[in-house]
Amino acid sequence: LGTTGTFVGASRRLKELAPSISCISMEPDSPLHGLEGLKHLATAMVPGIYDATLADERLTVSTEEAYEMTRMLAREEGLYVGVSSGAAMVAALAVASRLRSGVIVTVFPDGGTRYGSDRFWNEAEDK
């Protein structure tokens, strides 16, 4: 969750169309995180638009998990996404790991271009 607008708007509409749908929110696991654009809602100013009742479940993702997934998506899938997108994928895979069947949809809210010159990409080579 960042500004929460996408989650709130999409969840409201999806629940109107399919009341049995599960909408799962994701946020950083710590107030001191490195996931640009995302909010740790327990310690951040919560946007006025946010409606916590729309989340059937709340997942948390660590900064390191999101960074690793972001690098993996670029390296193995050719997806040049940002760290909040990496975090979204971590959460989607966590949900997928416990489902027997179903459809999972996530939103990749950022691209990798803002991290192009960042040491972020070089850290993977150092490991």
C-alpha atoms as a PDB file:
ATOM      1  CA  LEU A   1       0.000   0.000   0.000  1.00  0.00           C
ATOM      2  CA  GLY A   2       1.180   3.471  -0.856  1.00  0.00           C
ATOM      3  CA  THR A   3      -1.388   6.196  -1.395  1.00  0.00           C
ATOM      4  CA  THR A   4      -3.925   3.314  -1.167  1.00  0.00           C
ATOM      5  CA  GLY A   5      -6.027   4.716  -4.024  1.00  0.00           C
ATOM      6  CA  THR A   6      -5.471   1.814  -6.409  1.00  0.00           C
ATOM      7  CA  PHE A   7      -6.222  -0.757  -3.717  1.00  0.00           C
ATOM      8  CA  VAL A   8      -9.355   1.026  -2.496  1.00  0.00           C
ATOM      9  CA  GLY A   9     -10.776   1.750  -5.948  1.00  0.00           C
ATOM     10  CA  ALA A  10     -10.039  -1.667  -7.421  1.00  0.00           C
ATOM     11  CA  SER A  11     -11.227  -3.522  -4.316  1.00  0.00           C
ATOM     12  CA  ARG A  12     -14.515  -1.639  -4.143  1.00  0.00           C
ATOM     13  CA  ARG A  13     -15.295  -2.311  -7.784  1.00  0.00           C
ATOM     14  CA  LEU A  14     -14.194  -5.942  -7.709  1.00  0.00           C
ATOM     15  CA  LYS A  15     -16.291  -6.628  -4.607  1.00  0.00           C
ATOM     16  CA  GLU A  16     -19.308  -5.045  -6.334  1.00  0.00           C
ATOM     17  CA  LEU A  17     -18.848  -7.385  -9.299  1.00  0.00           C
ATOM     18  CA  ALA A  18     -17.853 -10.495  -7.339  1.00  0.00           C
ATOM     19  CA  PRO A  19     -18.629 -10.262  -3.606  1.00  0.00           C
ATOM     20  CA  SER A  20     -16.765 -13.501  -2.854  1.00  0.00           C
ATOM     21  CA  ILE A  21     -13.453 -12.139  -4.148  1.00  0.00           C
ATOM     22  CA  SER A  22     -10.595 -11.778  -1.676  1.00  0.00           C
ATOM     23  CA  CYS A  23      -8.650  -8.526  -1.746  1.00  0.00           C
ATOM     24  CA  ILE A  24      -5.288  -8.734  -0.018  1.00  0.00           C
ATOM     25  CA  SER A  25      -3.229  -5.698   0.855  1.00  0.00           C
ATOM     26  CA  MET A  26       0.559  -5.628   1.136  1.00  0.00           C
ATOM     27  CA  GLU A  27       2.829  -3.261   3.012  1.00  0.00           C
ATOM     28  CA  PRO A  28       6.403  -3.186   4.294  1.00  0.00           C
ATOM     29  CA  ASP A  29       7.101  -5.261   7.391  1.00  0.00           C
ATOM     30  CA  SER A  30       8.906  -2.456   9.184  1.00  0.00           C
ATOM     31  CA  PRO A  31       8.604   1.306   9.611  1.00  0.00           C
ATOM     32  CA  LEU A  32      12.276   1.609   8.599  1.00  0.00           C
ATOM     33  CA  HIS A  33      12.067   0.031   5.162  1.00  0.00           C
ATOM     34  CA  GLY A  34      13.575   0.676   1.756  1.00  0.00           C
ATOM     35  CA  LEU A  35      10.446   0.189  -0.328  1.00  0.00           C
ATOM     36  CA  GLU A  36       9.986   3.539  -2.005  1.00  0.00           C
ATOM     37  CA  GLY A  37       6.351   4.456  -2.513  1.00  0.00           C
ATOM     38  CA  LEU A  38       4.997   2.022   0.066  1.00  0.00           C
ATOM     39  CA  LYS A  39       3.745   2.855   3.549  1.00  0.00           C
ATOM     40  CA  HIS A  40       4.013   0.922   6.788  1.00  0.00           C
ATOM     41  CA  LEU A  41       0.489   1.949   7.792  1.00  0.00           C
ATOM     42  CA  ALA A  42       0.904   1.286  11.514  1.00  0.00           C
ATOM     43  CA  THR A  43       3.520   4.039  11.708  1.00  0.00           C
ATOM     44  CA  ALA A  44       2.728   6.262   8.712  1.00  0.00           C
ATOM     45  CA  MET A  45       0.125   8.907   8.095  1.00  0.00           C
ATOM     46  CA  VAL A  46      -2.757   6.862   6.723  1.00  0.00           C
ATOM     47  CA  PRO A  47      -4.292   8.423   3.603  1.00  0.00           C
ATOM     48  CA  GLY A  48      -7.863   9.615   4.128  1.00  0.00           C
ATOM     49  CA  ILE A  49      -9.104   7.484   1.233  1.00  0.00           C
ATOM     50  CA  TYR A  50      -7.938   4.225   2.822  1.00  0.00           C
ATOM     51  CA  ASP A  51     -10.685   1.828   3.910  1.00  0.00           C
ATOM     52  CA  ALA A  52      -9.193  -0.997   5.984  1.00  0.00           C
ATOM     53  CA  THR A  53     -12.421  -3.008   5.770  1.00  0.00           C
ATOM     54  CA  LEU A  54     -11.697  -3.741   2.100  1.00  0.00           C
ATOM     55  CA  ALA A  55      -8.652  -5.860   2.949  1.00  0.00           C
ATOM     56  CA  ASP A  56      -9.636  -9.459   3.582  1.00  0.00           C
ATOM     57  CA  GLU A  57      -6.037 -10.080   4.569  1.00  0.00           C
ATOM     58  CA  ARG A  58      -2.933  -7.956   5.118  1.00  0.00           C
ATOM     59  CA  LEU A  59       0.487  -9.249   4.121  1.00  0.00           C
ATOM     60  CA  THR A  60       3.862  -7.769   4.925  1.00  0.00           C
ATOM     61  CA  VAL A  61       7.033  -7.988   2.854  1.00  0.00           C
ATOM     62  CA  SER A  62      10.599  -7.298   3.923  1.00  0.00           C
ATOM     63  CA  THR A  63      12.804  -4.892   2.036  1.00  0.00           C
ATOM     64  CA  GLU A  64      15.344  -7.609   1.257  1.00  0.00           C
ATOM     65  CA  GLU A  65      12.672  -9.984  -0.133  1.00  0.00           C
ATOM     66  CA  ALA A  66      11.386  -7.211  -2.390  1.00  0.00           C
ATOM     67  CA  TYR A  67      14.888  -6.275  -3.570  1.00  0.00           C
ATOM     68  CA  GLU A  68      15.745  -9.900  -4.364  1.00  0.00           C
ATOM     69  CA  MET A  69      12.472 -10.391  -6.266  1.00  0.00           C
ATOM     70  CA  THR A  70      12.981  -7.160  -8.226  1.00  0.00           C
ATOM     71  CA  ARG A  71      16.408  -8.336  -9.364  1.00  0.00           C
ATOM     72  CA  MET A  72      15.086 -11.820 -10.172  1.00  0.00           C
ATOM     73  CA  LEU A  73      12.229 -10.415 -12.267  1.00  0.00           C
ATOM     74  CA  ALA A  74      14.746  -8.430 -14.328  1.00  0.00           C
ATOM     75  CA  ARG A  75      17.279 -11.231 -14.648  1.00  0.00           C
ATOM     76  CA  GLU A  76      14.981 -14.215 -15.245  1.00  0.00           C
ATOM     77  CA  GLU A  77      11.751 -12.749 -16.626  1.00  0.00           C
ATOM     78  CA  GLY A  78      13.015  -9.643 -18.420  1.00  0.00           C
ATOM     79  CA  LEU A  79      10.725  -7.404 -16.370  1.00  0.00           C
ATOM     80  CA  TYR A  80      12.390  -4.115 -15.484  1.00  0.00           C
ATOM     81  CA  VAL A  81      10.254  -3.201 -12.476  1.00  0.00           C
ATOM     82  CA  GLY A  82      10.784  -1.184  -9.322  1.00  0.00           C
ATOM     83  CA  VAL A  83      11.003  -2.408  -5.755  1.00  0.00           C
ATOM     84  CA  SER A  84       7.330  -1.890  -4.929  1.00  0.00           C
ATOM     85  CA  SER A  85       6.521  -4.154  -7.881  1.00  0.00           C
ATOM     86  CA  GLY A  86       9.008  -6.686  -6.530  1.00  0.00           C
ATOM     87  CA  ALA A  87       7.201  -6.510  -3.189  1.00  0.00           C
ATOM     88  CA  ALA A  88       3.846  -7.051  -4.930  1.00  0.00           C
ATOM     89  CA  MET A  89       5.225 -10.179  -6.592  1.00  0.00           C
ATOM     90  CA  VAL A  90       6.556 -11.528  -3.283  1.00  0.00           C
ATOM     91  CA  ALA A  91       3.067 -11.131  -1.804  1.00  0.00           C
ATOM     92  CA  ALA A  92       1.362 -12.704  -4.841  1.00  0.00           C
ATOM     93  CA  LEU A  93       3.668 -15.727  -4.681  1.00  0.00           C
ATOM     94  CA  ALA A  94       3.027 -16.082  -0.943  1.00  0.00           C
ATOM     95  CA  VAL A  95      -0.700 -16.275  -1.651  1.00  0.00           C
ATOM     96  CA  ALA A  96      -0.154 -18.680  -4.562  1.00  0.00           C
ATOM     97  CA  SER A  97       1.896 -21.030  -2.396  1.00  0.00           C
ATOM     98  CA  ARG A  98      -1.096 -21.786  -0.209  1.00  0.00           C
ATOM     99  CA  LEU A  99      -3.858 -21.985  -2.838  1.00  0.00           C
ATOM    100  CA  ARG A 100      -4.957 -25.219  -4.426  1.00  0.00           C
ATOM    101  CA  SER A 101      -6.636 -23.370  -7.282  1.00  0.00           C
ATOM    102  CA  GLY A 102      -7.705 -19.876  -8.180  1.00  0.00           C
ATOM    103  CA  VAL A 103      -6.634 -16.751  -9.977  1.00  0.00           C
ATOM    104  CA  ILE A 104      -4.244 -14.208  -8.498  1.00  0.00           C
ATOM    105  CA  VAL A 105      -3.929 -10.693  -9.864  1.00  0.00           C
ATOM    106  CA  THR A 106      -1.442  -8.117  -8.639  1.00  0.00           C
ATOM    107  CA  VAL A 107      -0.488  -4.616  -9.723  1.00  0.00           C
ATOM    108  CA  PHE A 108       3.084  -3.630 -10.555  1.00  0.00           C
ATOM    109  CA  PRO A 109       2.952   0.032  -9.527  1.00  0.00           C
ATOM    110  CA  ASP A 110       6.418   1.110 -10.648  1.00  0.00           C
ATOM    111  CA  GLY A 111       9.054   0.542 -13.278  1.00  0.00           C
ATOM    112  CA  GLY A 112      12.773   0.026 -12.898  1.00  0.00           C
ATOM    113  CA  THR A 113      13.831   3.234 -14.622  1.00  0.00           C
ATOM    114  CA  ARG A 114      14.017   5.192 -11.383  1.00  0.00           C
ATOM    115  CA  TYR A 115      16.585   2.683 -10.136  1.00  0.00           C
ATOM    116  CA  GLY A 116      18.681   2.593 -13.326  1.00  0.00           C
ATOM    117  CA  SER A 117      21.756   4.322 -11.966  1.00  0.00           C
ATOM    118  CA  ASP A 118      21.246   3.158  -8.422  1.00  0.00           C
ATOM    119  CA  ARG A 119      23.733   0.887  -6.702  1.00  0.00           C
ATOM    120  CA  PHE A 120      20.676  -1.324  -6.173  1.00  0.00           C
ATOM    121  CA  TRP A 121      21.349  -3.237  -9.398  1.00  0.00           C
ATOM    122  CA  ASN A 122      25.062  -3.639  -8.658  1.00  0.00           C
ATOM    123  CA  GLU A 123      24.437  -5.199  -5.248  1.00  0.00           C
ATOM    124  CA  ALA A 124      23.226  -8.368  -6.951  1.00  0.00           C
ATOM    125  CA  GLU A 125      26.544  -8.687  -8.789  1.00  0.00           C
ATOM    126  CA  ASP A 126      28.471  -8.329  -5.533  1.00  0.00           C
ATOM    127  CA  LYS A 127      26.787 -11.386  -4.000  1.00  0.00           C
END
